[in-house]
Amino acid sequence: MAVKKFYGVKFNNGSSEVFTDWSVCKERIKGEKGVSYKGFTTRAEALAFVGNYSKKLIDENIWKTDIAIYVDGSYRDDVYSYGFVVVDIVNDIALYEQKGRGNDEEAAKLRNVSGEMKGAMEAMAYCLNNNIKEATICYDYTGIEMWALGLWKRNNVYTKSYYDFFQCRKDKLSIYFKKIKGHTGDIWNERADILAKEGLEEF
């Protein structure tokens, strides 16, 4: 059973709050009349409950985490590159971004997909190094999810390494996946694309 760690509260006077400690929440609502409250596993769900949730974030697939990581890859002349942006989806702000390139011969056979995988791995490493326990990786190419979860066959060294990388870290970092169609106006997806292209110029 999922642990409920966020508590959304709607007060009778129209105000609302989200708590992360049940004991504090309980004290706050004690004696209040007409209060409505509920526990959730993510802050996003709690914010949606109290009505303090950005319209941009409300869709048919509600975010399961507070952190989204947009990744993308690019390719040119046997060199692949990556870019990723770490986003606080509640406040809709970038917390961190990174770009880079690689020229591994086996990886380069997958062209820009190699960069997207590299970006996903670098992003996971960033999360672990910065005490982020869960995040949603937003990707263009379906293999980013399927290879990580072992749902697609890994036909080369790089896809196998990507799978192993994810499997070795999934107990310490909860990763969800979300496909974002490219070039549809999502500013963070576009930013990851720009970073990936800039990564080709990195030395």
N, C-alpha and C. Protein backbone atom coordinates (compact mmCIF):
# COMPACT_ATOMS: atom_id res chain seq x y z
N MET A 1 0.84 -1.19 0.00
CA MET A 1 0.00 0.00 0.00
C MET A 1 0.88 1.25 0.00
N ALA A 2 0.56 2.20 -0.87
CA ALA A 2 1.35 3.44 -0.97
C ALA A 2 1.19 4.27 0.30
N VAL A 3 2.29 4.87 0.74
CA VAL A 3 2.27 5.71 1.93
C VAL A 3 1.75 7.09 1.57
N LYS A 4 0.79 7.58 2.33
CA LYS A 4 0.25 8.92 2.10
C LYS A 4 1.10 9.92 2.87
N LYS A 5 1.82 10.76 2.13
CA LYS A 5 2.76 11.67 2.79
C LYS A 5 2.45 13.14 2.55
N PHE A 6 1.38 13.43 1.80
CA PHE A 6 0.94 14.80 1.59
C PHE A 6 -0.54 14.90 1.95
N TYR A 7 -0.89 15.95 2.67
CA TYR A 7 -2.26 16.08 3.16
C TYR A 7 -2.84 17.42 2.70
N GLY A 8 -3.85 17.33 1.84
CA GLY A 8 -4.50 18.52 1.34
C GLY A 8 -5.67 18.88 2.24
N VAL A 9 -5.75 20.17 2.61
CA VAL A 9 -6.81 20.63 3.51
C VAL A 9 -7.51 21.84 2.90
N LYS A 10 -8.85 21.78 2.85
CA LYS A 10 -9.66 22.92 2.39
C LYS A 10 -10.48 23.40 3.58
N PHE A 11 -10.28 24.67 3.93
CA PHE A 11 -10.97 25.25 5.08
C PHE A 11 -12.28 25.91 4.67
N ASN A 12 -13.14 26.10 5.65
CA ASN A 12 -14.47 26.66 5.42
C ASN A 12 -14.44 28.10 4.90
N ASN A 13 -13.34 28.83 5.21
CA ASN A 13 -13.24 30.23 4.77
C ASN A 13 -12.68 30.37 3.36
N GLY A 14 -12.47 29.24 2.67
CA GLY A 14 -12.00 29.28 1.29
C GLY A 14 -10.49 29.13 1.14
N SER A 15 -9.75 29.16 2.23
CA SER A 15 -8.30 28.99 2.16
C SER A 15 -7.96 27.50 2.10
N SER A 16 -6.71 27.19 1.79
CA SER A 16 -6.28 25.80 1.71
C SER A 16 -4.79 25.68 2.03
N GLU A 17 -4.36 24.50 2.42
CA GLU A 17 -2.96 24.24 2.72
C GLU A 17 -2.64 22.79 2.38
N VAL A 18 -1.34 22.54 2.15
CA VAL A 18 -0.84 21.17 1.96
C VAL A 18 0.22 20.92 3.02
N PHE A 19 0.07 19.82 3.75
CA PHE A 19 0.99 19.46 4.84
C PHE A 19 1.75 18.19 4.47
N THR A 20 2.95 18.06 5.01
CA THR A 20 3.73 16.84 4.79
C THR A 20 3.88 16.04 6.09
N ASP A 21 3.35 16.57 7.17
CA ASP A 21 3.42 15.90 8.47
C ASP A 21 2.00 15.77 9.02
N TRP A 22 1.54 14.53 9.21
CA TRP A 22 0.16 14.32 9.65
C TRP A 22 -0.10 14.92 11.03
N SER A 23 0.88 14.85 11.92
CA SER A 23 0.66 15.38 13.27
C SER A 23 0.44 16.89 13.23
N VAL A 24 1.17 17.59 12.35
CA VAL A 24 1.00 19.03 12.20
C VAL A 24 -0.35 19.32 11.56
N CYS A 25 -0.70 18.53 10.57
CA CYS A 25 -1.99 18.70 9.89
C CYS A 25 -3.14 18.50 10.87
N LYS A 26 -3.03 17.48 11.68
CA LYS A 26 -4.09 17.16 12.65
C LYS A 26 -4.31 18.28 13.65
N GLU A 27 -3.21 18.89 14.10
CA GLU A 27 -3.31 20.01 15.03
C GLU A 27 -3.95 21.23 14.37
N ARG A 28 -3.59 21.42 13.09
CA ARG A 28 -4.10 22.59 12.37
C ARG A 28 -5.62 22.51 12.15
N ILE A 29 -6.14 21.32 11.91
CA ILE A 29 -7.57 21.19 11.61
C ILE A 29 -8.42 20.93 12.86
N LYS A 30 -7.74 20.73 13.98
CA LYS A 30 -8.44 20.45 15.23
C LYS A 30 -9.39 21.60 15.59
N GLY A 31 -10.65 21.29 15.75
CA GLY A 31 -11.65 22.28 16.13
C GLY A 31 -12.22 23.08 14.98
N GLU A 32 -11.67 22.89 13.79
CA GLU A 32 -12.17 23.61 12.61
C GLU A 32 -13.51 23.01 12.15
N LYS A 33 -14.44 23.84 11.79
CA LYS A 33 -15.74 23.37 11.30
C LYS A 33 -15.79 23.47 9.77
N GLY A 34 -16.40 22.48 9.14
CA GLY A 34 -16.55 22.49 7.70
C GLY A 34 -15.26 22.27 6.93
N VAL A 35 -14.25 21.69 7.59
CA VAL A 35 -12.97 21.45 6.93
C VAL A 35 -13.04 20.14 6.13
N SER A 36 -12.34 20.13 5.00
CA SER A 36 -12.27 18.93 4.16
C SER A 36 -10.80 18.59 3.97
N TYR A 37 -10.41 17.35 4.19
CA TYR A 37 -9.01 16.98 4.04
C TYR A 37 -8.86 15.55 3.52
N LYS A 38 -7.70 15.29 2.94
CA LYS A 38 -7.45 13.97 2.37
C LYS A 38 -5.95 13.76 2.20
N GLY A 39 -5.50 12.53 2.34
CA GLY A 39 -4.08 12.19 2.19
C GLY A 39 -3.77 11.72 0.78
N PHE A 40 -2.55 12.04 0.30
CA PHE A 40 -2.12 11.67 -1.05
C PHE A 40 -0.68 11.21 -1.03
N THR A 41 -0.29 10.50 -2.07
CA THR A 41 1.10 10.03 -2.16
C THR A 41 2.02 11.04 -2.83
N THR A 42 1.46 12.02 -3.56
CA THR A 42 2.29 13.05 -4.20
C THR A 42 1.74 14.44 -3.89
N ARG A 43 2.63 15.43 -3.93
CA ARG A 43 2.23 16.81 -3.70
C ARG A 43 1.28 17.28 -4.81
N ALA A 44 1.54 16.83 -6.04
CA ALA A 44 0.72 17.24 -7.16
C ALA A 44 -0.75 16.88 -6.94
N GLU A 45 -1.01 15.67 -6.45
CA GLU A 45 -2.38 15.23 -6.18
C GLU A 45 -3.01 16.05 -5.08
N ALA A 46 -2.22 16.37 -4.04
CA ALA A 46 -2.73 17.16 -2.93
C ALA A 46 -3.09 18.57 -3.39
N LEU A 47 -2.23 19.14 -4.25
CA LEU A 47 -2.50 20.48 -4.77
C LEU A 47 -3.73 20.48 -5.68
N ALA A 48 -3.89 19.41 -6.43
CA ALA A 48 -5.08 19.31 -7.28
C ALA A 48 -6.34 19.25 -6.42
N PHE A 49 -6.26 18.55 -5.31
CA PHE A 49 -7.41 18.41 -4.40
C PHE A 49 -7.83 19.75 -3.82
N VAL A 50 -6.85 20.56 -3.40
CA VAL A 50 -7.18 21.83 -2.76
C VAL A 50 -7.46 22.93 -3.79
N GLY A 51 -7.21 22.63 -5.07
CA GLY A 51 -7.52 23.61 -6.11
C GLY A 51 -6.42 24.59 -6.40
N ASN A 52 -5.24 24.40 -5.82
CA ASN A 52 -4.11 25.30 -6.04
C ASN A 52 -3.12 24.63 -6.99
N TYR A 53 -3.55 24.43 -8.22
CA TYR A 53 -2.78 23.63 -9.16
C TYR A 53 -2.78 24.28 -10.53
N SER A 54 -1.62 24.50 -11.08
CA SER A 54 -1.51 25.17 -12.37
C SER A 54 -2.31 24.46 -13.46
N LYS A 55 -3.05 25.23 -14.27
CA LYS A 55 -3.83 24.63 -15.35
C LYS A 55 -2.95 23.84 -16.31
N LYS A 56 -1.74 24.30 -16.49
CA LYS A 56 -0.83 23.61 -17.40
C LYS A 56 -0.59 22.17 -16.95
N LEU A 57 -0.64 21.95 -15.65
CA LEU A 57 -0.30 20.63 -15.12
C LEU A 57 -1.49 19.70 -15.04
N ILE A 58 -2.68 20.21 -15.25
CA ILE A 58 -3.87 19.36 -15.17
C ILE A 58 -4.12 18.74 -16.53
N ASP A 59 -3.97 17.44 -16.64
CA ASP A 59 -4.29 16.74 -17.87
C ASP A 59 -4.80 15.35 -17.52
N GLU A 60 -5.02 14.55 -18.54
CA GLU A 60 -5.59 13.23 -18.28
C GLU A 60 -4.61 12.29 -17.58
N ASN A 61 -3.34 12.64 -17.60
CA ASN A 61 -2.33 11.83 -16.93
C ASN A 61 -1.65 12.67 -15.86
N ILE A 62 -2.26 12.80 -14.71
CA ILE A 62 -1.73 13.66 -13.65
C ILE A 62 -0.33 13.22 -13.26
N TRP A 63 0.52 14.18 -13.03
CA TRP A 63 1.91 13.88 -12.65
C TRP A 63 1.94 13.06 -11.38
N LYS A 64 2.83 12.10 -11.33
CA LYS A 64 2.99 11.25 -10.15
C LYS A 64 4.12 11.73 -9.24
N THR A 65 4.90 12.70 -9.72
CA THR A 65 6.02 13.22 -8.94
C THR A 65 6.04 14.74 -9.02
N ASP A 66 6.80 15.34 -8.11
CA ASP A 66 6.96 16.80 -8.12
C ASP A 66 8.06 17.24 -9.08
N ILE A 67 8.93 16.30 -9.46
CA ILE A 67 10.07 16.60 -10.31
C ILE A 67 9.91 15.91 -11.66
N ALA A 68 10.06 16.68 -12.73
CA ALA A 68 10.06 16.13 -14.08
C ALA A 68 11.42 16.38 -14.71
N ILE A 69 11.90 15.41 -15.47
CA ILE A 69 13.17 15.57 -16.17
C ILE A 69 12.91 15.38 -17.65
N TYR A 70 13.09 16.45 -18.41
CA TYR A 70 12.91 16.40 -19.86
C TYR A 70 14.26 16.09 -20.50
N VAL A 71 14.30 15.04 -21.31
CA VAL A 71 15.55 14.64 -21.95
C VAL A 71 15.39 14.65 -23.46
N ASP A 72 16.49 14.91 -24.16
CA ASP A 72 16.48 14.83 -25.62
C ASP A 72 17.89 14.55 -26.11
N GLY A 73 17.97 14.09 -27.36
CA GLY A 73 19.26 13.79 -27.95
C GLY A 73 19.37 14.38 -29.34
N SER A 74 20.61 14.51 -29.82
CA SER A 74 20.86 15.00 -31.16
C SER A 74 22.05 14.22 -31.73
N TYR A 75 22.29 14.40 -33.03
CA TYR A 75 23.34 13.60 -33.69
C TYR A 75 23.86 14.32 -34.92
N ARG A 76 25.19 14.20 -35.16
CA ARG A 76 25.80 14.74 -36.36
C ARG A 76 27.20 14.17 -36.53
N ASP A 77 27.50 13.68 -37.70
CA ASP A 77 28.86 13.21 -38.04
C ASP A 77 29.42 12.22 -37.03
N ASP A 78 28.65 11.19 -36.73
CA ASP A 78 29.07 10.12 -35.80
C ASP A 78 29.26 10.58 -34.35
N VAL A 79 28.73 11.75 -34.05
CA VAL A 79 28.77 12.26 -32.67
C VAL A 79 27.34 12.46 -32.19
N TYR A 80 27.03 11.96 -31.01
CA TYR A 80 25.71 12.15 -30.44
C TYR A 80 25.81 13.07 -29.22
N SER A 81 24.74 13.72 -28.91
CA SER A 81 24.74 14.65 -27.77
C SER A 81 23.42 14.54 -27.02
N TYR A 82 23.41 15.11 -25.84
CA TYR A 82 22.21 15.06 -25.00
C TYR A 82 21.98 16.40 -24.32
N GLY A 83 20.76 16.57 -23.86
CA GLY A 83 20.41 17.71 -23.02
C GLY A 83 19.28 17.28 -22.10
N PHE A 84 19.30 17.78 -20.89
CA PHE A 84 18.17 17.52 -20.00
C PHE A 84 17.92 18.71 -19.08
N VAL A 85 16.66 18.85 -18.68
CA VAL A 85 16.24 19.91 -17.77
C VAL A 85 15.49 19.27 -16.61
N VAL A 86 15.88 19.63 -15.38
CA VAL A 86 15.17 19.18 -14.19
C VAL A 86 14.17 20.27 -13.82
N VAL A 87 12.89 19.90 -13.76
CA VAL A 87 11.82 20.87 -13.59
C VAL A 87 11.01 20.62 -12.33
N ASP A 88 10.79 21.68 -11.56
CA ASP A 88 9.84 21.67 -10.45
C ASP A 88 8.47 21.88 -11.11
N ILE A 89 7.68 20.81 -11.24
CA ILE A 89 6.45 20.93 -12.02
C ILE A 89 5.34 21.68 -11.29
N VAL A 90 5.41 21.75 -9.98
CA VAL A 90 4.40 22.49 -9.23
C VAL A 90 4.54 23.99 -9.48
N ASN A 91 5.78 24.48 -9.43
CA ASN A 91 6.03 25.90 -9.64
C ASN A 91 6.42 26.23 -11.08
N ASP A 92 6.56 25.17 -11.91
CA ASP A 92 6.87 25.32 -13.33
C ASP A 92 8.15 26.13 -13.55
N ILE A 93 9.22 25.71 -12.83
CA ILE A 93 10.53 26.36 -12.98
C ILE A 93 11.62 25.31 -13.15
N ALA A 94 12.67 25.68 -13.88
CA ALA A 94 13.82 24.79 -14.06
C ALA A 94 14.72 24.88 -12.83
N LEU A 95 15.11 23.72 -12.32
CA LEU A 95 16.02 23.67 -11.18
C LEU A 95 17.47 23.45 -11.62
N TYR A 96 17.63 22.79 -12.76
CA TYR A 96 18.98 22.46 -13.23
C TYR A 96 18.89 22.03 -14.69
N GLU A 97 19.95 22.29 -15.44
CA GLU A 97 20.01 21.78 -16.81
C GLU A 97 21.43 21.39 -17.15
N GLN A 98 21.56 20.48 -18.11
CA GLN A 98 22.89 19.96 -18.46
C GLN A 98 22.89 19.53 -19.92
N LYS A 99 24.06 19.63 -20.56
CA LYS A 99 24.23 19.17 -21.94
C LYS A 99 25.60 18.53 -22.07
N GLY A 100 25.77 17.71 -23.10
CA GLY A 100 27.05 17.05 -23.30
C GLY A 100 27.03 16.25 -24.59
N ARG A 101 28.14 15.58 -24.88
CA ARG A 101 28.25 14.83 -26.12
C ARG A 101 29.04 13.56 -25.90
N GLY A 102 28.96 12.66 -26.88
CA GLY A 102 29.72 11.42 -26.80
C GLY A 102 30.05 10.94 -28.20
N ASN A 103 31.03 10.05 -28.30
CA ASN A 103 31.39 9.52 -29.61
C ASN A 103 31.66 8.02 -29.57
N ASP A 104 31.00 7.34 -28.62
CA ASP A 104 31.12 5.89 -28.54
C ASP A 104 30.60 5.29 -29.85
N GLU A 105 31.43 4.48 -30.48
CA GLU A 105 31.11 3.94 -31.81
C GLU A 105 29.83 3.10 -31.80
N GLU A 106 29.67 2.26 -30.81
CA GLU A 106 28.49 1.41 -30.73
C GLU A 106 27.24 2.24 -30.47
N ALA A 107 27.37 3.19 -29.55
CA ALA A 107 26.23 4.05 -29.23
C ALA A 107 25.83 4.91 -30.41
N ALA A 108 26.80 5.38 -31.17
CA ALA A 108 26.52 6.29 -32.28
C ALA A 108 25.66 5.65 -33.36
N LYS A 109 25.60 4.32 -33.38
CA LYS A 109 24.77 3.64 -34.37
C LYS A 109 23.29 3.97 -34.17
N LEU A 110 22.94 4.37 -32.94
CA LEU A 110 21.56 4.72 -32.63
C LEU A 110 21.29 6.21 -32.82
N ARG A 111 22.30 6.93 -33.29
CA ARG A 111 22.18 8.35 -33.61
C ARG A 111 21.63 9.17 -32.43
N ASN A 112 20.60 10.00 -32.62
CA ASN A 112 20.13 10.88 -31.54
C ASN A 112 19.51 10.11 -30.37
N VAL A 113 19.07 8.86 -30.61
CA VAL A 113 18.52 8.05 -29.52
C VAL A 113 19.60 7.79 -28.46
N SER A 114 20.85 7.66 -28.91
CA SER A 114 21.96 7.48 -27.96
C SER A 114 22.05 8.65 -27.00
N GLY A 115 21.88 9.84 -27.56
CA GLY A 115 21.93 11.04 -26.72
C GLY A 115 20.80 11.07 -25.72
N GLU A 116 19.62 10.65 -26.15
CA GLU A 116 18.49 10.66 -25.23
C GLU A 116 18.69 9.67 -24.08
N MET A 117 19.27 8.51 -24.40
CA MET A 117 19.58 7.54 -23.34
C MET A 117 20.65 8.10 -22.40
N LYS A 118 21.68 8.71 -22.99
CA LYS A 118 22.75 9.31 -22.19
C LYS A 118 22.20 10.39 -21.27
N GLY A 119 21.29 11.20 -21.81
CA GLY A 119 20.66 12.24 -21.00
C GLY A 119 19.87 11.66 -19.84
N ALA A 120 19.15 10.57 -20.10
CA ALA A 120 18.38 9.92 -19.04
C ALA A 120 19.29 9.39 -17.94
N MET A 121 20.42 8.80 -18.33
CA MET A 121 21.36 8.28 -17.34
C MET A 121 22.00 9.39 -16.53
N GLU A 122 22.41 10.46 -17.21
CA GLU A 122 23.00 11.60 -16.50
C GLU A 122 21.98 12.23 -15.56
N ALA A 123 20.74 12.27 -15.98
CA ALA A 123 19.68 12.85 -15.14
C ALA A 123 19.45 12.01 -13.90
N MET A 124 19.45 10.69 -14.06
CA MET A 124 19.29 9.81 -12.90
C MET A 124 20.45 9.98 -11.92
N ALA A 125 21.66 10.10 -12.47
CA ALA A 125 22.83 10.31 -11.62
C ALA A 125 22.70 11.63 -10.86
N TYR A 126 22.21 12.67 -11.54
CA TYR A 126 21.99 13.96 -10.89
C TYR A 126 21.02 13.82 -9.72
N CYS A 127 19.93 13.12 -9.95
CA CYS A 127 18.92 12.93 -8.89
C CYS A 127 19.54 12.26 -7.66
N LEU A 128 20.27 11.19 -7.89
CA LEU A 128 20.87 10.45 -6.78
C LEU A 128 21.89 11.31 -6.04
N ASN A 129 22.62 12.15 -6.75
CA ASN A 129 23.62 13.01 -6.13
C ASN A 129 23.03 14.21 -5.42
N ASN A 130 21.74 14.47 -5.65
CA ASN A 130 21.09 15.63 -5.06
C ASN A 130 19.87 15.27 -4.21
N ASN A 131 19.87 14.03 -3.73
CA ASN A 131 18.86 13.56 -2.79
C ASN A 131 17.43 13.66 -3.33
N ILE A 132 17.27 13.51 -4.62
CA ILE A 132 15.95 13.43 -5.22
C ILE A 132 15.55 11.97 -5.27
N LYS A 133 14.46 11.62 -4.64
CA LYS A 133 14.07 10.22 -4.48
C LYS A 133 13.15 9.71 -5.58
N GLU A 134 12.44 10.61 -6.26
CA GLU A 134 11.55 10.19 -7.32
C GLU A 134 11.41 11.28 -8.37
N ALA A 135 11.25 10.87 -9.61
CA ALA A 135 11.14 11.83 -10.70
C ALA A 135 10.46 11.17 -11.89
N THR A 136 9.95 12.00 -12.78
CA THR A 136 9.35 11.52 -14.02
C THR A 136 10.24 11.92 -15.17
N ILE A 137 10.70 10.94 -15.94
CA ILE A 137 11.50 11.23 -17.12
C ILE A 137 10.56 11.41 -18.31
N CYS A 138 10.63 12.58 -18.92
CA CYS A 138 9.80 12.90 -20.08
C CYS A 138 10.66 12.76 -21.33
N TYR A 139 10.22 11.95 -22.25
CA TYR A 139 11.05 11.58 -23.39
C TYR A 139 10.29 11.73 -24.71
N ASP A 140 11.05 11.76 -25.80
CA ASP A 140 10.47 11.75 -27.15
C ASP A 140 10.34 10.31 -27.68
N TYR A 141 11.41 9.53 -27.45
CA TYR A 141 11.50 8.21 -28.05
C TYR A 141 11.11 7.12 -27.06
N THR A 142 10.18 6.27 -27.45
CA THR A 142 9.59 5.26 -26.56
C THR A 142 10.62 4.31 -25.96
N GLY A 143 11.71 4.06 -26.66
CA GLY A 143 12.73 3.15 -26.16
C GLY A 143 13.32 3.58 -24.83
N ILE A 144 13.28 4.88 -24.54
CA ILE A 144 13.81 5.37 -23.27
C ILE A 144 13.11 4.68 -22.10
N GLU A 145 11.84 4.46 -22.24
CA GLU A 145 11.09 3.73 -21.21
C GLU A 145 11.20 2.22 -21.39
N MET A 146 10.99 1.76 -22.59
CA MET A 146 10.91 0.32 -22.85
C MET A 146 12.21 -0.42 -22.58
N TRP A 147 13.34 0.16 -22.98
CA TRP A 147 14.62 -0.47 -22.71
C TRP A 147 14.94 -0.47 -21.21
N ALA A 148 14.63 0.63 -20.54
CA ALA A 148 14.92 0.71 -19.10
C ALA A 148 14.16 -0.35 -18.33
N LEU A 149 12.90 -0.56 -18.71
CA LEU A 149 12.05 -1.52 -17.99
C LEU A 149 12.21 -2.96 -18.48
N GLY A 150 13.00 -3.14 -19.51
CA GLY A 150 13.22 -4.48 -20.04
C GLY A 150 12.09 -4.98 -20.92
N LEU A 151 11.27 -4.06 -21.44
CA LEU A 151 10.12 -4.45 -22.26
C LEU A 151 10.46 -4.53 -23.74
N TRP A 152 11.62 -4.01 -24.12
CA TRP A 152 12.12 -4.16 -25.48
C TRP A 152 13.43 -4.93 -25.43
N LYS A 153 13.68 -5.70 -26.46
CA LYS A 153 14.93 -6.45 -26.55
C LYS A 153 16.10 -5.49 -26.71
N ARG A 154 17.20 -5.75 -26.01
CA ARG A 154 18.40 -4.92 -26.11
C ARG A 154 19.35 -5.59 -27.10
N ASN A 155 19.54 -4.96 -28.25
CA ASN A 155 20.29 -5.61 -29.33
C ASN A 155 21.75 -5.17 -29.44
N ASN A 156 22.16 -4.22 -28.61
CA ASN A 156 23.57 -3.82 -28.66
C ASN A 156 24.08 -3.50 -27.27
N VAL A 157 25.37 -3.26 -27.19
CA VAL A 157 26.02 -3.02 -25.90
C VAL A 157 25.42 -1.81 -25.19
N TYR A 158 25.07 -0.77 -25.95
CA TYR A 158 24.62 0.46 -25.32
C TYR A 158 23.23 0.32 -24.71
N THR A 159 22.31 -0.33 -25.43
CA THR A 159 20.97 -0.51 -24.85
C THR A 159 21.03 -1.45 -23.65
N LYS A 160 21.94 -2.42 -23.70
CA LYS A 160 22.11 -3.32 -22.54
C LYS A 160 22.68 -2.54 -21.36
N SER A 161 23.64 -1.66 -21.62
CA SER A 161 24.23 -0.85 -20.55
C SER A 161 23.20 0.10 -19.94
N TYR A 162 22.35 0.65 -20.80
CA TYR A 162 21.29 1.54 -20.33
C TYR A 162 20.32 0.79 -19.41
N TYR A 163 19.93 -0.40 -19.81
CA TYR A 163 19.05 -1.24 -18.99
C TYR A 163 19.70 -1.54 -17.64
N ASP A 164 20.98 -1.95 -17.67
CA ASP A 164 21.69 -2.28 -16.43
C ASP A 164 21.81 -1.06 -15.52
N PHE A 165 22.08 0.11 -16.11
CA PHE A 165 22.20 1.34 -15.35
C PHE A 165 20.91 1.62 -14.58
N PHE A 166 19.79 1.52 -15.27
CA PHE A 166 18.49 1.77 -14.64
C PHE A 166 18.18 0.74 -13.56
N GLN A 167 18.37 -0.53 -13.87
CA GLN A 167 18.04 -1.60 -12.94
C GLN A 167 18.86 -1.52 -11.65
N CYS A 168 20.10 -1.08 -11.76
CA CYS A 168 20.97 -0.98 -10.58
C CYS A 168 20.61 0.19 -9.67
N ARG A 169 19.78 1.11 -10.15
CA ARG A 169 19.47 2.31 -9.38
C ARG A 169 18.00 2.44 -9.00
N LYS A 170 17.16 1.58 -9.52
CA LYS A 170 15.72 1.74 -9.33
C LYS A 170 15.26 1.57 -7.88
N ASP A 171 16.06 0.89 -7.06
CA ASP A 171 15.68 0.74 -5.65
C ASP A 171 15.96 2.00 -4.84
N LYS A 172 16.85 2.84 -5.34
CA LYS A 172 17.19 4.08 -4.64
C LYS A 172 16.49 5.29 -5.24
N LEU A 173 16.01 5.14 -6.46
CA LEU A 173 15.39 6.24 -7.17
C LEU A 173 14.15 5.74 -7.92
N SER A 174 13.00 6.24 -7.53
CA SER A 174 11.75 5.85 -8.20
C SER A 174 11.57 6.70 -9.45
N ILE A 175 11.60 6.04 -10.59
CA ILE A 175 11.46 6.74 -11.87
C ILE A 175 10.15 6.35 -12.54
N TYR A 176 9.41 7.36 -12.95
CA TYR A 176 8.23 7.17 -13.79
C TYR A 176 8.58 7.71 -15.17
N PHE A 177 7.82 7.30 -16.15
CA PHE A 177 8.10 7.74 -17.52
C PHE A 177 6.86 8.38 -18.13
N LYS A 178 7.09 9.37 -18.98
CA LYS A 178 5.99 10.06 -19.64
C LYS A 178 6.45 10.48 -21.04
N LYS A 179 5.73 10.03 -22.05
CA LYS A 179 6.08 10.39 -23.42
C LYS A 179 5.53 11.78 -23.74
N ILE A 180 6.40 12.64 -24.24
CA ILE A 180 6.02 13.99 -24.64
C ILE A 180 6.29 14.12 -26.13
N LYS A 181 5.28 14.36 -26.89
CA LYS A 181 5.46 14.50 -28.33
C LYS A 181 6.29 15.74 -28.63
N GLY A 182 7.32 15.58 -29.46
CA GLY A 182 8.21 16.68 -29.76
C GLY A 182 7.58 17.79 -30.59
N HIS A 183 8.07 19.01 -30.39
CA HIS A 183 7.67 20.18 -31.18
C HIS A 183 6.18 20.46 -31.12
N THR A 184 5.65 20.38 -29.92
CA THR A 184 4.22 20.66 -29.73
C THR A 184 4.01 21.86 -28.80
N GLY A 185 5.08 22.61 -28.55
CA GLY A 185 4.95 23.82 -27.74
C GLY A 185 5.26 23.67 -26.27
N ASP A 186 5.63 22.46 -25.82
CA ASP A 186 6.01 22.27 -24.42
C ASP A 186 7.37 22.95 -24.22
N ILE A 187 7.42 23.99 -23.40
CA ILE A 187 8.65 24.79 -23.29
C ILE A 187 9.83 24.00 -22.75
N TRP A 188 9.58 23.05 -21.86
CA TRP A 188 10.68 22.28 -21.28
C TRP A 188 11.19 21.23 -22.25
N ASN A 189 10.28 20.67 -23.04
CA ASN A 189 10.70 19.73 -24.07
C ASN A 189 11.54 20.46 -25.12
N GLU A 190 11.12 21.67 -25.46
CA GLU A 190 11.87 22.47 -26.42
C GLU A 190 13.23 22.87 -25.86
N ARG A 191 13.27 23.15 -24.56
CA ARG A 191 14.55 23.52 -23.94
C ARG A 191 15.53 22.35 -23.97
N ALA A 192 15.04 21.15 -23.70
CA ALA A 192 15.90 19.96 -23.75
C ALA A 192 16.43 19.76 -25.17
N ASP A 193 15.60 20.02 -26.16
CA ASP A 193 16.00 19.90 -27.56
C ASP A 193 17.12 20.90 -27.89
N ILE A 194 16.97 22.13 -27.42
CA ILE A 194 18.00 23.15 -27.65
C ILE A 194 19.31 22.76 -27.00
N LEU A 195 19.24 22.27 -25.76
CA LEU A 195 20.45 21.86 -25.04
C LEU A 195 21.15 20.72 -25.77
N ALA A 196 20.35 19.76 -26.27
CA ALA A 196 20.95 18.62 -26.98
C ALA A 196 21.70 19.10 -28.23
N LYS A 197 21.13 20.04 -28.95
CA LYS A 197 21.79 20.58 -30.15
C LYS A 197 23.05 21.36 -29.76
N GLU A 198 22.97 22.10 -28.67
CA GLU A 198 24.16 22.83 -28.20
C GLU A 198 25.25 21.86 -27.75
N GLY A 199 24.83 20.71 -27.25
CA GLY A 199 25.77 19.69 -26.80
C GLY A 199 26.70 19.20 -27.91
N LEU A 200 26.24 19.27 -29.15
CA LEU A 200 27.10 18.87 -30.28
C LEU A 200 28.31 19.76 -30.40
N GLU A 201 28.24 20.96 -29.87
CA GLU A 201 29.35 21.90 -29.97
C GLU A 201 30.29 21.82 -28.77
N GLU A 202 29.94 20.98 -27.78
CA GLU A 202 30.77 20.87 -26.59
C GLU A 202 32.08 20.15 -26.92
N PHE A 203 33.17 20.56 -26.26
CA PHE A 203 34.46 19.92 -26.47
C PHE A 203 34.97 19.36 -25.16
